[in-house]
Amino acid sequence: MQPGSTPRLSSQGAFVVQFRDDVNFATGHCPGRVEHVRSGQARHFQALHELLDFFAQMLAAVEAESSDEYA
């Protein structure tokens, strides 16, 4: 990658996040649903840490899958 360039965005890291109408970030009440675009896997969450856990899980799976392709 050249200095100053932006890394390429791929579908491997693409997610759709929907928050319910009663979301309140100030109080930490953040219910919603997240879907990983590439795999179609989805999960409901009640707090931001659950959303971030899903991101981490899906991205680790994609990375492992990519490693297997080159092994």
PDB file of N, CA and C in Angstrom:
ATOM      1  N   MET A   1       0.853  -1.179   0.000  1.00  0.00           N
ATOM      2  CA  MET A   1       0.000   0.000   0.000  1.00  0.00           C
ATOM      3  C   MET A   1       0.893   1.235   0.000  1.00  0.00           C
ATOM      4  N   GLN A   2       0.523   2.203  -0.749  1.00  0.00           N
ATOM      5  CA  GLN A   2       1.298   3.432  -0.848  1.00  0.00           C
ATOM      6  C   GLN A   2       0.976   4.350   0.316  1.00  0.00           C
ATOM      7  N   PRO A   3       1.970   5.145   0.757  1.00  0.00           N
ATOM      8  CA  PRO A   3       1.706   6.091   1.854  1.00  0.00           C
ATOM      9  C   PRO A   3       0.545   7.016   1.508  1.00  0.00           C
ATOM     10  N   GLY A   4      -0.341   7.209   2.475  1.00  0.00           N
ATOM     11  CA  GLY A   4      -1.474   8.098   2.266  1.00  0.00           C
ATOM     12  C   GLY A   4      -2.663   7.447   1.589  1.00  0.00           C
ATOM     13  N   SER A   5      -2.500   6.192   1.150  1.00  0.00           N
ATOM     14  CA  SER A   5      -3.628   5.531   0.491  1.00  0.00           C
ATOM     15  C   SER A   5      -4.521   4.878   1.537  1.00  0.00           C
ATOM     16  N   THR A   6      -5.756   4.681   1.165  1.00  0.00           N
ATOM     17  CA  THR A   6      -6.741   4.080   2.053  1.00  0.00           C
ATOM     18  C   THR A   6      -6.878   2.606   1.724  1.00  0.00           C
ATOM     19  N   PRO A   7      -6.892   1.733   2.759  1.00  0.00           N
ATOM     20  CA  PRO A   7      -7.091   0.305   2.473  1.00  0.00           C
ATOM     21  C   PRO A   7      -8.418   0.066   1.763  1.00  0.00           C
ATOM     22  N   ARG A   8      -8.427  -0.940   0.917  1.00  0.00           N
ATOM     23  CA  ARG A   8      -9.617  -1.306   0.150  1.00  0.00           C
ATOM     24  C   ARG A   8     -10.695  -1.842   1.092  1.00  0.00           C
ATOM     25  N   LEU A   9     -11.933  -1.462   0.838  1.00  0.00           N
ATOM     26  CA  LEU A   9     -13.071  -1.988   1.583  1.00  0.00           C
ATOM     27  C   LEU A   9     -13.604  -3.200   0.834  1.00  0.00           C
ATOM     28  N   SER A  10     -13.895  -4.270   1.561  1.00  0.00           N
ATOM     29  CA  SER A  10     -14.393  -5.475   0.909  1.00  0.00           C
ATOM     30  C   SER A  10     -15.679  -5.943   1.575  1.00  0.00           C
ATOM     31  N   SER A  11     -16.383  -6.831   0.899  1.00  0.00           N
ATOM     32  CA  SER A  11     -17.618  -7.381   1.460  1.00  0.00           C
ATOM     33  C   SER A  11     -17.342  -8.264   2.665  1.00  0.00           C
ATOM     34  N   GLN A  12     -16.118  -8.715   2.826  1.00  0.00           N
ATOM     35  CA  GLN A  12     -15.768  -9.539   3.984  1.00  0.00           C
ATOM     36  C   GLN A  12     -15.974  -8.776   5.294  1.00  0.00           C
ATOM     37  N   GLY A  13     -15.824  -7.470   5.249  1.00  0.00           N
ATOM     38  CA  GLY A  13     -15.981  -6.652   6.444  1.00  0.00           C
ATOM     39  C   GLY A  13     -17.241  -5.808   6.415  1.00  0.00           C
ATOM     40  N   ALA A  14     -18.216  -6.214   5.607  1.00  0.00           N
ATOM     41  CA  ALA A  14     -19.450  -5.430   5.481  1.00  0.00           C
ATOM     42  C   ALA A  14     -20.550  -6.006   6.369  1.00  0.00           C
ATOM     43  N   PHE A  15     -21.189  -5.110   7.109  1.00  0.00           N
ATOM     44  CA  PHE A  15     -22.264  -5.487   8.018  1.00  0.00           C
ATOM     45  C   PHE A  15     -23.430  -4.520   7.841  1.00  0.00           C
ATOM     46  N   VAL A  16     -24.634  -5.024   8.093  1.00  0.00           N
ATOM     47  CA  VAL A  16     -25.818  -4.170   8.171  1.00  0.00           C
ATOM     48  C   VAL A  16     -26.215  -4.149   9.645  1.00  0.00           C
ATOM     49  N   VAL A  17     -26.335  -2.957  10.208  1.00  0.00           N
ATOM     50  CA  VAL A  17     -26.705  -2.817  11.612  1.00  0.00           C
ATOM     51  C   VAL A  17     -27.995  -2.026  11.691  1.00  0.00           C
ATOM     52  N   GLN A  18     -28.956  -2.569  12.404  1.00  0.00           N
ATOM     53  CA  GLN A  18     -30.232  -1.890  12.629  1.00  0.00           C
ATOM     54  C   GLN A  18     -30.426  -1.733  14.132  1.00  0.00           C
ATOM     55  N   PHE A  19     -30.773  -0.532  14.548  1.00  0.00           N
ATOM     56  CA  PHE A  19     -31.076  -0.284  15.954  1.00  0.00           C
ATOM     57  C   PHE A  19     -32.582  -0.140  16.110  1.00  0.00           C
ATOM     58  N   ARG A  20     -33.096  -0.653  17.215  1.00  0.00           N
ATOM     59  CA  ARG A  20     -34.522  -0.495  17.495  1.00  0.00           C
ATOM     60  C   ARG A  20     -34.826   0.963  17.803  1.00  0.00           C
ATOM     61  N   ASP A  21     -36.099   1.310  17.740  1.00  0.00           N
ATOM     62  CA  ASP A  21     -36.518   2.697  17.977  1.00  0.00           C
ATOM     63  C   ASP A  21     -36.210   3.182  19.388  1.00  0.00           C
ATOM     64  N   ASP A  22     -36.122   2.251  20.348  1.00  0.00           N
ATOM     65  CA  ASP A  22     -35.905   2.666  21.732  1.00  0.00           C
ATOM     66  C   ASP A  22     -34.433   2.718  22.140  1.00  0.00           C
ATOM     67  N   VAL A  23     -33.521   2.755  21.151  1.00  0.00           N
ATOM     68  CA  VAL A  23     -32.093   2.840  21.460  1.00  0.00           C
ATOM     69  C   VAL A  23     -31.790   4.127  22.232  1.00  0.00           C
ATOM     70  N   ASN A  24     -30.897   4.013  23.198  1.00  0.00           N
ATOM     71  CA  ASN A  24     -30.464   5.174  23.984  1.00  0.00           C
ATOM     72  C   ASN A  24     -28.996   4.979  24.320  1.00  0.00           C
ATOM     73  N   PHE A  25     -28.129   5.538  23.492  1.00  0.00           N
ATOM     74  CA  PHE A  25     -26.690   5.364  23.683  1.00  0.00           C
ATOM     75  C   PHE A  25     -26.222   5.948  25.010  1.00  0.00           C
ATOM     76  N   ALA A  26     -26.849   6.996  25.480  1.00  0.00           N
ATOM     77  CA  ALA A  26     -26.439   7.640  26.738  1.00  0.00           C
ATOM     78  C   ALA A  26     -26.583   6.697  27.932  1.00  0.00           C
ATOM     79  N   THR A  27     -27.608   5.852  27.899  1.00  0.00           N
ATOM     80  CA  THR A  27     -27.828   4.924  29.012  1.00  0.00           C
ATOM     81  C   THR A  27     -27.261   3.535  28.736  1.00  0.00           C
ATOM     82  N   GLY A  28     -26.774   3.307  27.530  1.00  0.00           N
ATOM     83  CA  GLY A  28     -26.239   2.003  27.167  1.00  0.00           C
ATOM     84  C   GLY A  28     -27.288   1.024  26.677  1.00  0.00           C
ATOM     85  N   HIS A  29     -28.514   1.480  26.527  1.00  0.00           N
ATOM     86  CA  HIS A  29     -29.594   0.632  26.011  1.00  0.00           C
ATOM     87  C   HIS A  29     -29.542   0.684  24.488  1.00  0.00           C
ATOM     88  N   CYS A  30     -28.974  -0.355  23.888  1.00  0.00           N
ATOM     89  CA  CYS A  30     -28.709  -0.331  22.446  1.00  0.00           C
ATOM     90  C   CYS A  30     -29.179  -1.612  21.767  1.00  0.00           C
ATOM     91  N   PRO A  31     -30.447  -1.937  21.820  1.00  0.00           N
ATOM     92  CA  PRO A  31     -30.920  -3.162  21.181  1.00  0.00           C
ATOM     93  C   PRO A  31     -31.002  -3.018  19.662  1.00  0.00           C
ATOM     94  N   GLY A  32     -30.744  -4.133  18.993  1.00  0.00           N
ATOM     95  CA  GLY A  32     -30.836  -4.105  17.544  1.00  0.00           C
ATOM     96  C   GLY A  32     -30.504  -5.438  16.934  1.00  0.00           C
ATOM     97  N   ARG A  33     -30.172  -5.389  15.662  1.00  0.00           N
ATOM     98  CA  ARG A  33     -29.862  -6.587  14.883  1.00  0.00           C
ATOM     99  C   ARG A  33     -28.700  -6.270  13.966  1.00  0.00           C
ATOM    100  N   VAL A  34     -27.803  -7.244  13.799  1.00  0.00           N
ATOM    101  CA  VAL A  34     -26.662  -7.088  12.905  1.00  0.00           C
ATOM    102  C   VAL A  34     -26.603  -8.292  11.976  1.00  0.00           C
ATOM    103  N   GLU A  35     -26.232  -8.036  10.730  1.00  0.00           N
ATOM    104  CA  GLU A  35     -26.072  -9.115   9.756  1.00  0.00           C
ATOM    105  C   GLU A  35     -24.757  -8.941   9.025  1.00  0.00           C
ATOM    106  N   HIS A  36     -24.012 -10.038   8.906  1.00  0.00           N
ATOM    107  CA  HIS A  36     -22.779 -10.036   8.132  1.00  0.00           C
ATOM    108  C   HIS A  36     -23.169 -10.247   6.670  1.00  0.00           C
ATOM    109  N   VAL A  37     -22.847  -9.303   5.826  1.00  0.00           N
ATOM    110  CA  VAL A  37     -23.320  -9.312   4.438  1.00  0.00           C
ATOM    111  C   VAL A  37     -22.851 -10.552   3.689  1.00  0.00           C
ATOM    112  N   ARG A  38     -21.592 -10.894   3.808  1.00  0.00           N
ATOM    113  CA  ARG A  38     -21.045 -11.996   3.009  1.00  0.00           C
ATOM    114  C   ARG A  38     -21.633 -13.349   3.399  1.00  0.00           C
ATOM    115  N   SER A  39     -21.750 -13.618   4.681  1.00  0.00           N
ATOM    116  CA  SER A  39     -22.206 -14.935   5.130  1.00  0.00           C
ATOM    117  C   SER A  39     -23.714 -15.008   5.329  1.00  0.00           C
ATOM    118  N   GLY A  40     -24.352 -13.864   5.542  1.00  0.00           N
ATOM    119  CA  GLY A  40     -25.778 -13.848   5.829  1.00  0.00           C
ATOM    120  C   GLY A  40     -26.113 -14.164   7.278  1.00  0.00           C
ATOM    121  N   GLN A  41     -25.081 -14.426   8.089  1.00  0.00           N
ATOM    122  CA  GLN A  41     -25.331 -14.709   9.503  1.00  0.00           C
ATOM    123  C   GLN A  41     -25.787 -13.434  10.200  1.00  0.00           C
ATOM    124  N   ALA A  42     -26.757 -13.604  11.095  1.00  0.00           N
ATOM    125  CA  ALA A  42     -27.330 -12.447  11.782  1.00  0.00           C
ATOM    126  C   ALA A  42     -27.488 -12.756  13.259  1.00  0.00           C
ATOM    127  N   ARG A  43     -27.565 -11.698  14.051  1.00  0.00           N
ATOM    128  CA  ARG A  43     -27.748 -11.850  15.486  1.00  0.00           C
ATOM    129  C   ARG A  43     -28.430 -10.603  16.038  1.00  0.00           C
ATOM    130  N   HIS A  44     -29.293 -10.818  17.019  1.00  0.00           N
ATOM    131  CA  HIS A  44     -29.881  -9.710  17.772  1.00  0.00           C
ATOM    132  C   HIS A  44     -28.950  -9.390  18.928  1.00  0.00           C
ATOM    133  N   PHE A  45     -28.885  -8.131  19.325  1.00  0.00           N
ATOM    134  CA  PHE A  45     -28.034  -7.728  20.441  1.00  0.00           C
ATOM    135  C   PHE A  45     -28.779  -6.732  21.306  1.00  0.00           C
ATOM    136  N   GLN A  46     -28.358  -6.647  22.549  1.00  0.00           N
ATOM    137  CA  GLN A  46     -28.953  -5.713  23.507  1.00  0.00           C
ATOM    138  C   GLN A  46     -27.987  -4.613  23.923  1.00  0.00           C
ATOM    139  N   ALA A  47     -26.704  -4.848  23.720  1.00  0.00           N
ATOM    140  CA  ALA A  47     -25.675  -3.903  24.152  1.00  0.00           C
ATOM    141  C   ALA A  47     -24.571  -3.825  23.108  1.00  0.00           C
ATOM    142  N   LEU A  48     -23.836  -2.743  23.120  1.00  0.00           N
ATOM    143  CA  LEU A  48     -22.796  -2.538  22.114  1.00  0.00           C
ATOM    144  C   LEU A  48     -21.717  -3.613  22.183  1.00  0.00           C
ATOM    145  N   HIS A  49     -21.394  -4.109  23.381  1.00  0.00           N
ATOM    146  CA  HIS A  49     -20.356  -5.136  23.468  1.00  0.00           C
ATOM    147  C   HIS A  49     -20.790  -6.411  22.742  1.00  0.00           C
ATOM    148  N   GLU A  50     -22.082  -6.715  22.709  1.00  0.00           N
ATOM    149  CA  GLU A  50     -22.566  -7.868  21.958  1.00  0.00           C
ATOM    150  C   GLU A  50     -22.416  -7.639  20.457  1.00  0.00           C
ATOM    151  N   LEU A  51     -22.645  -6.422  20.009  1.00  0.00           N
ATOM    152  CA  LEU A  51     -22.455  -6.062  18.598  1.00  0.00           C
ATOM    153  C   LEU A  51     -20.978  -6.217  18.223  1.00  0.00           C
ATOM    154  N   LEU A  52     -20.096  -5.683  19.062  1.00  0.00           N
ATOM    155  CA  LEU A  52     -18.663  -5.776  18.790  1.00  0.00           C
ATOM    156  C   LEU A  52     -18.174  -7.216  18.829  1.00  0.00           C
ATOM    157  N   ASP A  53     -18.725  -8.026  19.723  1.00  0.00           N
ATOM    158  CA  ASP A  53     -18.370  -9.452  19.767  1.00  0.00           C
ATOM    159  C   ASP A  53     -18.727 -10.140  18.457  1.00  0.00           C
ATOM    160  N   PHE A  54     -19.887  -9.800  17.894  1.00  0.00           N
ATOM    161  CA  PHE A  54     -20.307 -10.389  16.623  1.00  0.00           C
ATOM    162  C   PHE A  54     -19.353  -9.962  15.508  1.00  0.00           C
ATOM    163  N   PHE A  55     -18.989  -8.686  15.472  1.00  0.00           N
ATOM    164  CA  PHE A  55     -18.016  -8.215  14.483  1.00  0.00           C
ATOM    165  C   PHE A  55     -16.732  -9.041  14.575  1.00  0.00           C
ATOM    166  N   ALA A  56     -16.213  -9.171  15.789  1.00  0.00           N
ATOM    167  CA  ALA A  56     -14.952  -9.894  15.997  1.00  0.00           C
ATOM    168  C   ALA A  56     -15.075 -11.347  15.559  1.00  0.00           C
ATOM    169  N   GLN A  57     -16.174 -11.990  15.908  1.00  0.00           N
ATOM    170  CA  GLN A  57     -16.387 -13.391  15.553  1.00  0.00           C
ATOM    171  C   GLN A  57     -16.431 -13.567  14.032  1.00  0.00           C
ATOM    172  N   MET A  58     -17.177 -12.736  13.355  1.00  0.00           N
ATOM    173  CA  MET A  58     -17.318 -12.861  11.905  1.00  0.00           C
ATOM    174  C   MET A  58     -16.008 -12.551  11.186  1.00  0.00           C
ATOM    175  N   LEU A  59     -15.313 -11.519  11.618  1.00  0.00           N
ATOM    176  CA  LEU A  59     -14.059 -11.155  10.958  1.00  0.00           C
ATOM    177  C   LEU A  59     -12.983 -12.211  11.200  1.00  0.00           C
ATOM    178  N   ALA A  60     -12.975 -12.824  12.384  1.00  0.00           N
ATOM    179  CA  ALA A  60     -12.028 -13.913  12.654  1.00  0.00           C
ATOM    180  C   ALA A  60     -12.338 -15.109  11.762  1.00  0.00           C
ATOM    181  N   ALA A  61     -13.610 -15.411  11.571  1.00  0.00           N
ATOM    182  CA  ALA A  61     -14.005 -16.525  10.710  1.00  0.00           C
ATOM    183  C   ALA A  61     -13.587 -16.274   9.265  1.00  0.00           C
ATOM    184  N   VAL A  62     -13.772 -15.052   8.805  1.00  0.00           N
ATOM    185  CA  VAL A  62     -13.372 -14.698   7.434  1.00  0.00           C
ATOM    186  C   VAL A  62     -11.860 -14.810   7.283  1.00  0.00           C
ATOM    187  N   GLU A  63     -11.121 -14.357   8.289  1.00  0.00           N
ATOM    188  CA  GLU A  63      -9.659 -14.431   8.242  1.00  0.00           C
ATOM    189  C   GLU A  63      -9.204 -15.895   8.230  1.00  0.00           C
ATOM    190  N   ALA A  64      -9.814 -16.726   9.054  1.00  0.00           N
ATOM    191  CA  ALA A  64      -9.470 -18.145   9.094  1.00  0.00           C
ATOM    192  C   ALA A  64      -9.784 -18.809   7.755  1.00  0.00           C
ATOM    193  N   GLU A  65     -10.907 -18.447   7.174  1.00  0.00           N
ATOM    194  CA  GLU A  65     -11.301 -18.985   5.877  1.00  0.00           C
ATOM    195  C   GLU A  65     -10.280 -18.590   4.806  1.00  0.00           C
ATOM    196  N   SER A  66      -9.835 -17.340   4.832  1.00  0.00           N
ATOM    197  CA  SER A  66      -8.849 -16.863   3.870  1.00  0.00           C
ATOM    198  C   SER A  66      -7.514 -17.581   4.054  1.00  0.00           C
ATOM    199  N   SER A  67      -7.127 -17.830   5.303  1.00  0.00           N
ATOM    200  CA  SER A  67      -5.879 -18.543   5.588  1.00  0.00           C
ATOM    201  C   SER A  67      -5.947 -19.958   5.060  1.00  0.00           C
ATOM    202  N   ASP A  68      -7.103 -20.604   5.195  1.00  0.00           N
ATOM    203  CA  ASP A  68      -7.282 -21.971   4.710  1.00  0.00           C
ATOM    204  C   ASP A  68      -7.158 -22.043   3.196  1.00  0.00           C
ATOM    205  N   GLU A  69      -7.596 -21.004   2.493  1.00  0.00           N
ATOM    206  CA  GLU A  69      -7.534 -20.983   1.036  1.00  0.00           C
ATOM    207  C   GLU A  69      -6.102 -20.947   0.527  1.00  0.00           C
ATOM    208  N   TYR A  70      -5.207 -20.344   1.314  1.00  0.00           N
ATOM    209  CA  TYR A  70      -3.819 -20.199   0.886  1.00  0.00           C
ATOM    210  C   TYR A  70      -2.907 -21.260   1.480  1.00  0.00           C
ATOM    211  N   ALA A  71      -3.461 -22.167   2.261  1.00  0.00           N
ATOM    212  CA  ALA A  71      -2.632 -23.213   2.899  1.00  0.00           C
ATOM    213  C   ALA A  71      -2.421 -24.382   1.968  1.00  0.00           C
TER     214      ALA A  71
END
